[in-house]
Amino acid sequence: MIIDAHAHHIQPRMLGFESERGFGLLPDSAGKQRMPATVRPTPGAPDASTPETGEGASPLEWMEAPNRLRQMDERGIDKSVISIPAHAYMYHTEDFGTRWCRMVNDEFAEYCAQAPDRLYWWAPLPLQDPSEALTELDRAVSLGARGINTGGVNFGGLEFHSEELLPVWQRCAELDIPIYIHGHNQSITWEDPAKDGFRTTAVLGACHDEAAAFWNLICGGVLDKARNLTIYITHGGGLVPYQIGRFAQANSTLSDGRNKKPFLDYLDHFYFDTLIHDPIMRQAVIDSIGADRLLYGTNFNGIDQIPGYLLEGMKISEADEAKICYRNAATLLSIAV
């Protein structure tokens, strides 16, 4: 069995939501619709959606539940936990972001209800408004969300360790709801997103943001105040597994660090996934982080998806393979297997 914890999704209502707000899809050079980093989802931006102009199904077609389930079957994925694209957190859009999150959670609840034993979702929250985020957290959980989905940094100017957001993290801990961190394209907040050459804030920036989230959660003392909080960081933890020794050493020298315990004592709060493209580095993360703290995530139909079996060729026991493939996610997200 495989539970894919990292699988993005778009619902039709998300395109052009509230007329000229939200985001759209633009055709790539092959004629297939993709959502490029240069699309700026901000109030007043033009609706970028266009008809399919080339061969092949559009994203909205292959994301329809029957088609997604068929693709999951083809790839040996039994259950998926869907999330919004990382372009679309809307932290920079103030009150529009609040309405956006409500709409997305309604749409995801309806979508997942088509296959409730196979489809689940991470709920976005309007973290730029902590009070509204608390309200939407409770509402999304009541609808069936299994956890919340956030970026890594810059929640409308707030960070993970900002005091304003502490009640949100404490409520997540109280509800036993995990946080799924996926860095987002910071260029969407720029005056000219087109200056984000080579999609740098998406490709490199996401890994930086994910590592910064890990650093801020620990150094900022969040995990001492929300002691049961559980966090899943995708892309193999961003930069974390590769620099964790340096992080621990640097933390011990900080004059402003707020953590009450040694840095590495907080690792039990975190899960990472195996979305690491070099098999040698994937094995290194399995060996260094351990199977107890790893999930299976493919970035299903994303730009850097890994369609093959992620544990192929890995030196791992059958018991640890089961933990990574589904047991850890089933426990973390209360998914029946």
C-alpha atoms as a PDB file:
ATOM      1  CA  MET A   1       0.000   0.000   0.000  1.00  0.00           C
ATOM      2  CA  ILE A   2       1.098   3.578  -0.737  1.00  0.00           C
ATOM      3  CA  ILE A   3      -0.286   6.803   0.722  1.00  0.00           C
ATOM      4  CA  ASP A   4       0.939   9.774  -1.315  1.00  0.00           C
ATOM      5  CA  ALA A   5       1.134  12.730   1.078  1.00  0.00           C
ATOM      6  CA  HIS A   6       2.299  15.220  -1.572  1.00  0.00           C
ATOM      7  CA  ALA A   7      -0.185  15.508  -4.429  1.00  0.00           C
ATOM      8  CA  HIS A   8      -1.323  18.898  -5.755  1.00  0.00           C
ATOM      9  CA  HIS A   9      -4.789  19.596  -7.103  1.00  0.00           C
ATOM     10  CA  ILE A  10      -6.769  22.317  -8.901  1.00  0.00           C
ATOM     11  CA  GLN A  11     -10.536  22.631  -8.848  1.00  0.00           C
ATOM     12  CA  PRO A  12     -12.302  24.516 -11.673  1.00  0.00           C
ATOM     13  CA  ARG A  13     -13.640  27.160  -9.268  1.00  0.00           C
ATOM     14  CA  MET A  14     -10.075  28.058  -8.295  1.00  0.00           C
ATOM     15  CA  LEU A  15      -9.423  29.465 -11.768  1.00  0.00           C
ATOM     16  CA  GLY A  16     -10.484  33.075 -11.962  1.00  0.00           C
ATOM     17  CA  PHE A  17     -12.174  32.954  -8.551  1.00  0.00           C
ATOM     18  CA  GLU A  18     -13.941  36.285  -7.980  1.00  0.00           C
ATOM     19  CA  SER A  19     -13.548  37.206 -11.629  1.00  0.00           C
ATOM     20  CA  GLU A  20     -10.103  38.782 -12.121  1.00  0.00           C
ATOM     21  CA  ARG A  21      -8.631  37.472  -8.890  1.00  0.00           C
ATOM     22  CA  GLY A  22      -7.109  34.092  -8.207  1.00  0.00           C
ATOM     23  CA  PHE A  23      -4.877  32.509 -10.803  1.00  0.00           C
ATOM     24  CA  GLY A  24      -5.137  30.908 -14.201  1.00  0.00           C
ATOM     25  CA  LEU A  25      -3.407  28.479 -16.490  1.00  0.00           C
ATOM     26  CA  LEU A  26      -1.190  29.391 -19.410  1.00  0.00           C
ATOM     27  CA  PRO A  27      -0.197  27.017 -22.235  1.00  0.00           C
ATOM     28  CA  ASP A  28       3.434  25.942 -22.332  1.00  0.00           C
ATOM     29  CA  SER A  29       5.445  25.560 -25.526  1.00  0.00           C
ATOM     30  CA  ALA A  30       3.991  22.106 -26.129  1.00  0.00           C
ATOM     31  CA  GLY A  31       0.458  23.427 -25.881  1.00  0.00           C
ATOM     32  CA  LYS A  32      -0.287  21.751 -22.568  1.00  0.00           C
ATOM     33  CA  GLN A  33      -1.624  24.010 -19.857  1.00  0.00           C
ATOM     34  CA  ARG A  34       0.620  24.658 -16.896  1.00  0.00           C
ATOM     35  CA  MET A  35       0.617  27.227 -14.114  1.00  0.00           C
ATOM     36  CA  PRO A  36       3.877  29.175 -14.494  1.00  0.00           C
ATOM     37  CA  ALA A  37       5.609  31.035 -11.689  1.00  0.00           C
ATOM     38  CA  THR A  38       5.086  34.319 -13.517  1.00  0.00           C
ATOM     39  CA  VAL A  39       1.342  34.233 -12.947  1.00  0.00           C
ATOM     40  CA  ARG A  40       0.727  36.581 -10.036  1.00  0.00           C
ATOM     41  CA  PRO A  41      -2.338  35.571  -7.986  1.00  0.00           C
ATOM     42  CA  THR A  42      -3.235  38.954  -6.598  1.00  0.00           C
ATOM     43  CA  PRO A  43      -6.376  41.108  -6.622  1.00  0.00           C
ATOM     44  CA  GLY A  44      -6.599  43.028  -9.859  1.00  0.00           C
ATOM     45  CA  ALA A  45      -4.411  40.652 -11.879  1.00  0.00           C
ATOM     46  CA  PRO A  46      -5.967  39.527 -15.162  1.00  0.00           C
ATOM     47  CA  ASP A  47      -7.481  36.081 -15.399  1.00  0.00           C
ATOM     48  CA  ALA A  48      -4.805  34.084 -17.190  1.00  0.00           C
ATOM     49  CA  SER A  49      -6.911  31.045 -17.996  1.00  0.00           C
ATOM     50  CA  THR A  50      -6.990  30.045 -21.646  1.00  0.00           C
ATOM     51  CA  PRO A  51      -8.496  27.171 -23.578  1.00  0.00           C
ATOM     52  CA  GLU A  52      -6.457  24.082 -24.296  1.00  0.00           C
ATOM     53  CA  THR A  53      -4.649  24.770 -27.559  1.00  0.00           C
ATOM     54  CA  GLY A  54      -2.596  21.620 -28.084  1.00  0.00           C
ATOM     55  CA  GLU A  55      -2.838  17.892 -27.784  1.00  0.00           C
ATOM     56  CA  GLY A  56      -3.427  16.067 -24.530  1.00  0.00           C
ATOM     57  CA  ALA A  57      -5.856  16.540 -21.689  1.00  0.00           C
ATOM     58  CA  SER A  58      -5.939  19.776 -19.716  1.00  0.00           C
ATOM     59  CA  PRO A  59      -5.150  19.702 -15.978  1.00  0.00           C
ATOM     60  CA  LEU A  60      -8.809  20.179 -15.142  1.00  0.00           C
ATOM     61  CA  GLU A  61      -9.632  17.048 -17.122  1.00  0.00           C
ATOM     62  CA  TRP A  62      -6.925  14.811 -15.702  1.00  0.00           C
ATOM     63  CA  MET A  63      -7.660  16.071 -12.192  1.00  0.00           C
ATOM     64  CA  GLU A  64     -11.280  14.949 -12.343  1.00  0.00           C
ATOM     65  CA  ALA A  65     -11.701  12.307  -9.672  1.00  0.00           C
ATOM     66  CA  PRO A  66     -12.150   9.277 -11.998  1.00  0.00           C
ATOM     67  CA  ASN A  67      -9.107  10.286 -14.036  1.00  0.00           C
ATOM     68  CA  ARG A  68      -6.955  10.979 -10.975  1.00  0.00           C
ATOM     69  CA  LEU A  69      -7.935   7.646  -9.473  1.00  0.00           C
ATOM     70  CA  ARG A  70      -7.062   5.902 -12.729  1.00  0.00           C
ATOM     71  CA  GLN A  71      -3.627   7.537 -12.734  1.00  0.00           C
ATOM     72  CA  MET A  72      -3.147   6.578  -9.110  1.00  0.00           C
ATOM     73  CA  ASP A  73      -3.956   2.973 -10.001  1.00  0.00           C
ATOM     74  CA  GLU A  74      -1.461   3.064 -12.860  1.00  0.00           C
ATOM     75  CA  ARG A  75       1.251   4.278 -10.473  1.00  0.00           C
ATOM     76  CA  GLY A  76       0.391   1.936  -7.635  1.00  0.00           C
ATOM     77  CA  ILE A  77      -0.847   4.716  -5.335  1.00  0.00           C
ATOM     78  CA  ASP A  78      -3.715   3.627  -3.105  1.00  0.00           C
ATOM     79  CA  LYS A  79      -4.534   6.915  -1.347  1.00  0.00           C
ATOM     80  CA  SER A  80      -3.627  10.575  -1.958  1.00  0.00           C
ATOM     81  CA  VAL A  81      -3.650  13.635   0.275  1.00  0.00           C
ATOM     82  CA  ILE A  82      -4.203  16.588  -2.060  1.00  0.00           C
ATOM     83  CA  SER A  83      -3.080  20.181  -1.575  1.00  0.00           C
ATOM     84  CA  ILE A  84      -3.218  23.459  -3.462  1.00  0.00           C
ATOM     85  CA  PRO A  85      -0.368  24.434  -5.816  1.00  0.00           C
ATOM     86  CA  ALA A  86       2.406  26.308  -4.027  1.00  0.00           C
ATOM     87  CA  HIS A  87       1.610  29.413  -6.105  1.00  0.00           C
ATOM     88  CA  ALA A  88      -1.745  29.718  -4.450  1.00  0.00           C
ATOM     89  CA  TYR A  89      -1.495  30.307  -0.708  1.00  0.00           C
ATOM     90  CA  MET A  90      -2.629  33.936  -1.195  1.00  0.00           C
ATOM     91  CA  TYR A  91      -0.911  35.248   1.944  1.00  0.00           C
ATOM     92  CA  HIS A  92      -0.249  38.563   0.208  1.00  0.00           C
ATOM     93  CA  THR A  93      -3.907  39.166  -0.721  1.00  0.00           C
ATOM     94  CA  GLU A  94      -5.354  40.056   2.705  1.00  0.00           C
ATOM     95  CA  ASP A  95      -9.142  39.504   2.930  1.00  0.00           C
ATOM     96  CA  PHE A  96      -9.278  37.876  -0.510  1.00  0.00           C
ATOM     97  CA  GLY A  97      -7.000  35.158   0.865  1.00  0.00           C
ATOM     98  CA  THR A  98      -9.549  34.412   3.588  1.00  0.00           C
ATOM     99  CA  ARG A  99     -12.364  33.950   1.070  1.00  0.00           C
ATOM    100  CA  TRP A 100     -10.021  31.930  -1.127  1.00  0.00           C
ATOM    101  CA  CYS A 101      -9.192  29.435   1.644  1.00  0.00           C
ATOM    102  CA  ARG A 102     -12.869  28.964   2.481  1.00  0.00           C
ATOM    103  CA  MET A 103     -13.655  28.265  -1.142  1.00  0.00           C
ATOM    104  CA  VAL A 104     -10.744  25.832  -1.563  1.00  0.00           C
ATOM    105  CA  ASN A 105     -11.640  23.863   1.546  1.00  0.00           C
ATOM    106  CA  ASP A 106     -15.270  23.619   0.420  1.00  0.00           C
ATOM    107  CA  GLU A 107     -14.146  22.448  -3.005  1.00  0.00           C
ATOM    108  CA  PHE A 108     -11.662  19.927  -1.612  1.00  0.00           C
ATOM    109  CA  ALA A 109     -14.233  18.494   0.801  1.00  0.00           C
ATOM    110  CA  GLU A 110     -16.695  17.969  -2.057  1.00  0.00           C
ATOM    111  CA  TYR A 111     -14.001  16.533  -4.330  1.00  0.00           C
ATOM    112  CA  CYS A 112     -12.627  14.055  -1.781  1.00  0.00           C
ATOM    113  CA  ALA A 113     -16.149  12.919  -0.925  1.00  0.00           C
ATOM    114  CA  GLN A 114     -16.229  11.277  -4.378  1.00  0.00           C
ATOM    115  CA  ALA A 115     -13.759   8.665  -3.106  1.00  0.00           C
ATOM    116  CA  PRO A 116     -13.632   9.036   0.677  1.00  0.00           C
ATOM    117  CA  ASP A 117     -11.542   5.912   1.155  1.00  0.00           C
ATOM    118  CA  ARG A 118      -8.869   7.126  -1.289  1.00  0.00           C
ATOM    119  CA  LEU A 119      -8.823  10.932  -1.384  1.00  0.00           C
ATOM    120  CA  TYR A 120      -8.013  13.259   1.538  1.00  0.00           C
ATOM    121  CA  TRP A 121      -6.810  16.834   1.771  1.00  0.00           C
ATOM    122  CA  TRP A 122      -4.550  19.365   3.462  1.00  0.00           C
ATOM    123  CA  ALA A 123      -6.403  22.591   4.272  1.00  0.00           C
ATOM    124  CA  PRO A 124      -4.922  25.995   3.395  1.00  0.00           C
ATOM    125  CA  LEU A 125      -5.429  28.732   5.999  1.00  0.00           C
ATOM    126  CA  PRO A 126      -5.351  32.558   5.675  1.00  0.00           C
ATOM    127  CA  LEU A 127      -2.301  32.872   7.917  1.00  0.00           C
ATOM    128  CA  GLN A 128      -1.944  36.564   7.068  1.00  0.00           C
ATOM    129  CA  ASP A 129      -4.951  36.996   9.390  1.00  0.00           C
ATOM    130  CA  PRO A 130      -4.357  34.741  12.430  1.00  0.00           C
ATOM    131  CA  SER A 131      -7.868  35.238  13.809  1.00  0.00           C
ATOM    132  CA  GLU A 132      -9.452  34.166  10.528  1.00  0.00           C
ATOM    133  CA  ALA A 133      -6.939  31.324  10.280  1.00  0.00           C
ATOM    134  CA  LEU A 134      -8.137  29.948  13.623  1.00  0.00           C
ATOM    135  CA  THR A 135     -11.743  30.092  12.487  1.00  0.00           C
ATOM    136  CA  GLU A 136     -10.977  28.400   9.172  1.00  0.00           C
ATOM    137  CA  LEU A 137      -8.857  25.750  10.897  1.00  0.00           C
ATOM    138  CA  ASP A 138     -11.802  24.577  12.982  1.00  0.00           C
ATOM    139  CA  ARG A 139     -14.154  24.766  10.010  1.00  0.00           C
ATOM    140  CA  ALA A 140     -11.822  22.820   7.698  1.00  0.00           C
ATOM    141  CA  VAL A 141     -11.323  20.079  10.288  1.00  0.00           C
ATOM    142  CA  SER A 142     -15.094  19.827  10.709  1.00  0.00           C
ATOM    143  CA  LEU A 143     -15.317  19.296   6.930  1.00  0.00           C
ATOM    144  CA  GLY A 144     -12.793  16.460   7.102  1.00  0.00           C
ATOM    145  CA  ALA A 145      -9.365  18.008   6.455  1.00  0.00           C
ATOM    146  CA  ARG A 146      -6.582  15.768   7.780  1.00  0.00           C
ATOM    147  CA  GLY A 147      -4.057  18.555   8.335  1.00  0.00           C
ATOM    148  CA  ILE A 148      -3.171  22.079   7.279  1.00  0.00           C
ATOM    149  CA  ASN A 149      -1.001  23.179   4.366  1.00  0.00           C
ATOM    150  CA  THR A 150       1.366  26.147   4.692  1.00  0.00           C
ATOM    151  CA  GLY A 151       4.295  27.790   2.997  1.00  0.00           C
ATOM    152  CA  GLY A 152       7.633  28.066   4.759  1.00  0.00           C
ATOM    153  CA  VAL A 153       8.083  31.802   5.273  1.00  0.00           C
ATOM    154  CA  ASN A 154       6.360  35.142   4.710  1.00  0.00           C
ATOM    155  CA  PHE A 155       2.742  34.648   5.699  1.00  0.00           C
ATOM    156  CA  GLY A 156       1.804  38.151   4.683  1.00  0.00           C
ATOM    157  CA  GLY A 157       4.766  39.447   6.691  1.00  0.00           C
ATOM    158  CA  LEU A 158       4.406  36.954   9.556  1.00  0.00           C
ATOM    159  CA  GLU A 159       6.674  33.978  10.242  1.00  0.00           C
ATOM    160  CA  PHE A 160       6.250  30.662  12.033  1.00  0.00           C
ATOM    161  CA  HIS A 161       7.647  32.140  15.238  1.00  0.00           C
ATOM    162  CA  SER A 162       5.524  35.308  15.143  1.00  0.00           C
ATOM    163  CA  GLU A 163       3.554  35.607  18.367  1.00  0.00           C
ATOM    164  CA  GLU A 164       0.384  36.372  16.411  1.00  0.00           C
ATOM    165  CA  LEU A 165       0.413  32.864  14.924  1.00  0.00           C
ATOM    166  CA  LEU A 166       1.099  30.929  18.119  1.00  0.00           C
ATOM    167  CA  PRO A 167      -2.630  30.356  18.845  1.00  0.00           C
ATOM    168  CA  VAL A 168      -2.974  28.683  15.433  1.00  0.00           C
ATOM    169  CA  TRP A 169      -0.130  26.247  16.124  1.00  0.00           C
ATOM    170  CA  GLN A 170      -1.422  25.565  19.623  1.00  0.00           C
ATOM    171  CA  ARG A 171      -4.859  24.813  18.226  1.00  0.00           C
ATOM    172  CA  CYS A 172      -3.322  22.412  15.694  1.00  0.00           C
ATOM    173  CA  ALA A 173      -1.553  20.641  18.549  1.00  0.00           C
ATOM    174  CA  GLU A 174      -4.769  20.524  20.578  1.00  0.00           C
ATOM    175  CA  LEU A 175      -6.677  19.009  17.647  1.00  0.00           C
ATOM    176  CA  ASP A 176      -3.776  16.659  16.836  1.00  0.00           C
ATOM    177  CA  ILE A 177      -3.710  18.107  13.318  1.00  0.00           C
ATOM    178  CA  PRO A 178      -0.315  18.057  11.547  1.00  0.00           C
ATOM    179  CA  ILE A 179       1.143  20.902   9.506  1.00  0.00           C
ATOM    180  CA  TYR A 180       2.342  20.172   5.971  1.00  0.00           C
ATOM    181  CA  ILE A 181       5.000  22.686   4.877  1.00  0.00           C
ATOM    182  CA  HIS A 182       5.647  23.283   1.177  1.00  0.00           C
ATOM    183  CA  GLY A 183       7.698  26.349   0.220  1.00  0.00           C
ATOM    184  CA  HIS A 184       5.967  28.762  -2.131  1.00  0.00           C
ATOM    185  CA  ASN A 185       6.984  31.052  -4.953  1.00  0.00           C
ATOM    186  CA  GLN A 186       7.943  34.316  -3.284  1.00  0.00           C
ATOM    187  CA  SER A 187       7.976  36.028  -6.678  1.00  0.00           C
ATOM    188  CA  ILE A 188       4.162  36.182  -6.648  1.00  0.00           C
ATOM    189  CA  THR A 189       4.516  39.001  -4.109  1.00  0.00           C
ATOM    190  CA  TRP A 190       6.957  40.966  -6.283  1.00  0.00           C
ATOM    191  CA  GLU A 191       6.022  44.028  -8.289  1.00  0.00           C
ATOM    192  CA  ASP A 192       7.340  42.252 -11.377  1.00  0.00           C
ATOM    193  CA  PRO A 193       7.159  38.452 -10.967  1.00  0.00           C
ATOM    194  CA  ALA A 194       8.727  38.036 -14.411  1.00  0.00           C
ATOM    195  CA  LYS A 195      12.082  38.937 -12.845  1.00  0.00           C
ATOM    196  CA  ASP A 196      12.089  35.541 -11.153  1.00  0.00           C
ATOM    197  CA  GLY A 197      14.450  34.077 -13.750  1.00  0.00           C
ATOM    198  CA  PHE A 198      14.614  30.322 -14.180  1.00  0.00           C
ATOM    199  CA  ARG A 199      11.718  29.923 -11.685  1.00  0.00           C
ATOM    200  CA  THR A 200      14.286  30.378  -8.938  1.00  0.00           C
ATOM    201  CA  THR A 201      11.846  31.095  -6.108  1.00  0.00           C
ATOM    202  CA  ALA A 202       9.954  27.918  -6.989  1.00  0.00           C
ATOM    203  CA  VAL A 203      12.832  25.516  -7.536  1.00  0.00           C
ATOM    204  CA  LEU A 204      15.518  26.756  -5.137  1.00  0.00           C
ATOM    205  CA  GLY A 205      13.391  29.031  -3.000  1.00  0.00           C
ATOM    206  CA  ALA A 206      11.040  26.279  -1.879  1.00  0.00           C
ATOM    207  CA  CYS A 207      13.931  24.306  -0.375  1.00  0.00           C
ATOM    208  CA  HIS A 208      15.234  27.415   1.369  1.00  0.00           C
ATOM    209  CA  ASP A 209      11.801  28.282   2.741  1.00  0.00           C
ATOM    210  CA  GLU A 210      11.254  24.765   4.039  1.00  0.00           C
ATOM    211  CA  ALA A 211      14.583  24.784   5.855  1.00  0.00           C
ATOM    212  CA  ALA A 212      13.831  28.260   7.221  1.00  0.00           C
ATOM    213  CA  ALA A 213      10.511  26.999   8.586  1.00  0.00           C
ATOM    214  CA  PHE A 214      12.317  24.179  10.419  1.00  0.00           C
ATOM    215  CA  TRP A 215      14.863  26.672  11.791  1.00  0.00           C
ATOM    216  CA  ASN A 216      12.253  29.216  12.868  1.00  0.00           C
ATOM    217  CA  LEU A 217       9.996  26.652  14.532  1.00  0.00           C
ATOM    218  CA  ILE A 218      12.846  25.432  16.717  1.00  0.00           C
ATOM    219  CA  CYS A 219      14.865  28.604  17.289  1.00  0.00           C
ATOM    220  CA  GLY A 220      11.682  30.623  17.738  1.00  0.00           C
ATOM    221  CA  GLY A 221      10.539  28.462  20.634  1.00  0.00           C
ATOM    222  CA  VAL A 222       7.285  27.443  18.951  1.00  0.00           C
ATOM    223  CA  LEU A 223       7.717  23.782  19.846  1.00  0.00           C
ATOM    224  CA  ASP A 224       8.145  24.629  23.526  1.00  0.00           C
ATOM    225  CA  LYS A 225       4.778  26.399  23.523  1.00  0.00           C
ATOM    226  CA  ALA A 226       2.928  23.968  21.225  1.00  0.00           C
ATOM    227  CA  ARG A 227       4.502  20.827  22.602  1.00  0.00           C
ATOM    228  CA  ASN A 228       2.443  18.274  20.697  1.00  0.00           C
ATOM    229  CA  LEU A 229       2.737  19.989  17.324  1.00  0.00           C
ATOM    230  CA  THR A 230       3.677  17.710  14.419  1.00  0.00           C
ATOM    231  CA  ILE A 231       5.151  19.008  11.164  1.00  0.00           C
ATOM    232  CA  TYR A 232       5.736  17.379   7.773  1.00  0.00           C
ATOM    233  CA  ILE A 233       8.214  19.110   5.451  1.00  0.00           C
ATOM    234  CA  THR A 234       8.261  18.004   1.837  1.00  0.00           C
ATOM    235  CA  HIS A 235      11.141  17.713  -0.668  1.00  0.00           C
ATOM    236  CA  GLY A 236      13.059  15.579   1.801  1.00  0.00           C
ATOM    237  CA  GLY A 237      12.958  18.403   4.325  1.00  0.00           C
ATOM    238  CA  GLY A 238      14.300  21.030   1.932  1.00  0.00           C
ATOM    239  CA  LEU A 239      17.896  21.588   3.062  1.00  0.00           C
ATOM    240  CA  VAL A 240      17.418  20.184   6.554  1.00  0.00           C
ATOM    241  CA  PRO A 241      18.890  16.654   6.401  1.00  0.00           C
ATOM    242  CA  TYR A 242      22.002  17.895   4.610  1.00  0.00           C
ATOM    243  CA  GLN A 243      22.814  20.721   7.032  1.00  0.00           C
ATOM    244  CA  ILE A 244      21.262  19.531  10.280  1.00  0.00           C
ATOM    245  CA  GLY A 245      24.610  19.205  12.052  1.00  0.00           C
ATOM    246  CA  ARG A 246      25.463  22.785  11.141  1.00  0.00           C
ATOM    247  CA  PHE A 247      22.034  23.952  12.300  1.00  0.00           C
ATOM    248  CA  ALA A 248      22.514  22.278  15.672  1.00  0.00           C
ATOM    249  CA  GLN A 249      25.969  23.744  16.141  1.00  0.00           C
ATOM    250  CA  ALA A 250      24.878  27.235  15.110  1.00  0.00           C
ATOM    251  CA  ASN A 251      21.810  27.100  17.361  1.00  0.00           C
ATOM    252  CA  SER A 252      24.015  26.407  20.394  1.00  0.00           C
ATOM    253  CA  THR A 253      25.795  29.725  19.804  1.00  0.00           C
ATOM    254  CA  LEU A 254      22.711  31.927  19.345  1.00  0.00           C
ATOM    255  CA  SER A 255      22.176  34.798  21.743  1.00  0.00           C
ATOM    256  CA  ASP A 256      18.519  35.169  20.734  1.00  0.00           C
ATOM    257  CA  GLY A 257      17.482  31.520  20.381  1.00  0.00           C
ATOM    258  CA  ARG A 258      14.274  30.765  22.283  1.00  0.00           C
ATOM    259  CA  ASN A 259      14.378  26.950  22.290  1.00  0.00           C
ATOM    260  CA  LYS A 260      14.501  25.427  25.770  1.00  0.00           C
ATOM    261  CA  LYS A 261      16.064  22.103  24.769  1.00  0.00           C
ATOM    262  CA  PRO A 262      19.061  21.111  22.630  1.00  0.00           C
ATOM    263  CA  PHE A 263      18.299  21.620  18.958  1.00  0.00           C
ATOM    264  CA  LEU A 264      18.252  17.966  17.916  1.00  0.00           C
ATOM    265  CA  ASP A 265      15.828  17.061  20.700  1.00  0.00           C
ATOM    266  CA  TYR A 266      13.060  18.588  18.590  1.00  0.00           C
ATOM    267  CA  LEU A 267      13.412  16.170  15.670  1.00  0.00           C
ATOM    268  CA  ASP A 268      10.571  14.013  16.974  1.00  0.00           C
ATOM    269  CA  HIS A 269       8.173  16.805  15.981  1.00  0.00           C
ATOM    270  CA  PHE A 270       9.096  16.446  12.305  1.00  0.00           C
ATOM    271  CA  TYR A 271       8.447  14.184   9.342  1.00  0.00           C
ATOM    272  CA  PHE A 272      10.071  14.524   5.917  1.00  0.00           C
ATOM    273  CA  ASP A 273       9.303  12.738   2.659  1.00  0.00           C
ATOM    274  CA  THR A 274      11.257  10.803   0.071  1.00  0.00           C
ATOM    275  CA  LEU A 275      10.753  13.257  -2.811  1.00  0.00           C
ATOM    276  CA  ILE A 276      14.499  13.396  -3.440  1.00  0.00           C
ATOM    277  CA  HIS A 277      15.587  12.979  -7.023  1.00  0.00           C
ATOM    278  CA  ASP A 278      19.063  11.515  -6.562  1.00  0.00           C
ATOM    279  CA  PRO A 279      18.807   7.903  -5.318  1.00  0.00           C
ATOM    280  CA  ILE A 280      22.085   8.237  -3.428  1.00  0.00           C
ATOM    281  CA  MET A 281      20.771  11.243  -1.503  1.00  0.00           C
ATOM    282  CA  ARG A 282      17.405   9.534  -0.988  1.00  0.00           C
ATOM    283  CA  GLN A 283      19.208   6.623   0.635  1.00  0.00           C
ATOM    284  CA  ALA A 284      21.238   9.051   2.746  1.00  0.00           C
ATOM    285  CA  VAL A 285      18.078  10.698   4.072  1.00  0.00           C
ATOM    286  CA  ILE A 286      16.536   7.306   4.852  1.00  0.00           C
ATOM    287  CA  ASP A 287      19.681   6.358   6.735  1.00  0.00           C
ATOM    288  CA  SER A 288      20.135   9.659   8.574  1.00  0.00           C
ATOM    289  CA  ILE A 289      16.537  10.613   9.393  1.00  0.00           C
ATOM    290  CA  GLY A 290      15.206   7.079   9.770  1.00  0.00           C
ATOM    291  CA  ALA A 291      12.115   5.324   8.488  1.00  0.00           C
ATOM    292  CA  ASP A 292      10.066   6.316  11.545  1.00  0.00           C
ATOM    293  CA  ARG A 293      10.116   9.985  10.428  1.00  0.00           C
ATOM    294  CA  LEU A 294       9.569   9.610   6.675  1.00  0.00           C
ATOM    295  CA  LEU A 295       6.481   9.732   4.450  1.00  0.00           C
ATOM    296  CA  TYR A 296       5.899   8.865   0.817  1.00  0.00           C
ATOM    297  CA  GLY A 297       5.329  11.914  -1.418  1.00  0.00           C
ATOM    298  CA  THR A 298       5.524  12.116  -5.213  1.00  0.00           C
ATOM    299  CA  ASN A 299       4.480  15.692  -6.119  1.00  0.00           C
ATOM    300  CA  PHE A 300       1.808  13.953  -8.182  1.00  0.00           C
ATOM    301  CA  ASN A 301       1.627  15.623 -11.625  1.00  0.00           C
ATOM    302  CA  GLY A 302       3.916  18.457 -10.505  1.00  0.00           C
ATOM    303  CA  ILE A 303       6.906  19.782 -12.428  1.00  0.00           C
ATOM    304  CA  ASP A 304       9.367  17.613 -10.503  1.00  0.00           C
ATOM    305  CA  GLN A 305       7.198  14.569  -9.875  1.00  0.00           C
ATOM    306  CA  ILE A 306       8.848  11.181  -9.595  1.00  0.00           C
ATOM    307  CA  PRO A 307       6.379   8.774 -11.250  1.00  0.00           C
ATOM    308  CA  GLY A 308       8.343   5.612 -10.440  1.00  0.00           C
ATOM    309  CA  TYR A 309       8.500   3.757  -7.126  1.00  0.00           C
ATOM    310  CA  LEU A 310      10.505   5.962  -4.784  1.00  0.00           C
ATOM    311  CA  LEU A 311      11.954   3.131  -2.727  1.00  0.00           C
ATOM    312  CA  GLU A 312      13.151   1.119  -5.725  1.00  0.00           C
ATOM    313  CA  GLY A 313      16.724  -0.034  -5.047  1.00  0.00           C
ATOM    314  CA  MET A 314      16.837   1.417  -1.538  1.00  0.00           C
ATOM    315  CA  LYS A 315      18.559  -0.631   1.166  1.00  0.00           C
ATOM    316  CA  ILE A 316      15.681  -0.919   3.571  1.00  0.00           C
ATOM    317  CA  SER A 317      13.852  -3.618   5.528  1.00  0.00           C
ATOM    318  CA  GLU A 318      10.306  -4.637   4.671  1.00  0.00           C
ATOM    319  CA  ALA A 319       9.087  -3.230   7.975  1.00  0.00           C
ATOM    320  CA  ASP A 320      10.707   0.155   7.344  1.00  0.00           C
ATOM    321  CA  GLU A 321       9.442   0.163   3.759  1.00  0.00           C
ATOM    322  CA  ALA A 322       5.887  -0.240   5.059  1.00  0.00           C
ATOM    323  CA  LYS A 323       6.402   2.620   7.505  1.00  0.00           C
ATOM    324  CA  ILE A 324       7.454   4.996   4.741  1.00  0.00           C
ATOM    325  CA  CYS A 325       4.904   3.819   2.195  1.00  0.00           C
ATOM    326  CA  TYR A 326       1.833   4.043   4.382  1.00  0.00           C
ATOM    327  CA  ARG A 327       2.059   3.254   8.086  1.00  0.00           C
ATOM    328  CA  ASN A 328       3.501   6.610   9.179  1.00  0.00           C
ATOM    329  CA  ALA A 329       0.999   8.586   7.110  1.00  0.00           C
ATOM    330  CA  ALA A 330      -1.904   6.454   8.276  1.00  0.00           C
ATOM    331  CA  THR A 331      -1.012   7.160  11.909  1.00  0.00           C
ATOM    332  CA  LEU A 332      -0.208  10.842  11.366  1.00  0.00           C
ATOM    333  CA  LEU A 333      -3.390  11.569   9.398  1.00  0.00           C
ATOM    334  CA  SER A 334      -5.780   9.073  10.987  1.00  0.00           C
ATOM    335  CA  ILE A 335      -6.310   7.250   7.701  1.00  0.00           C
ATOM    336  CA  ALA A 336      -7.724   3.732   7.897  1.00  0.00           C
ATOM    337  CA  VAL A 337      -5.655   1.093   6.085  1.00  0.00           C
END
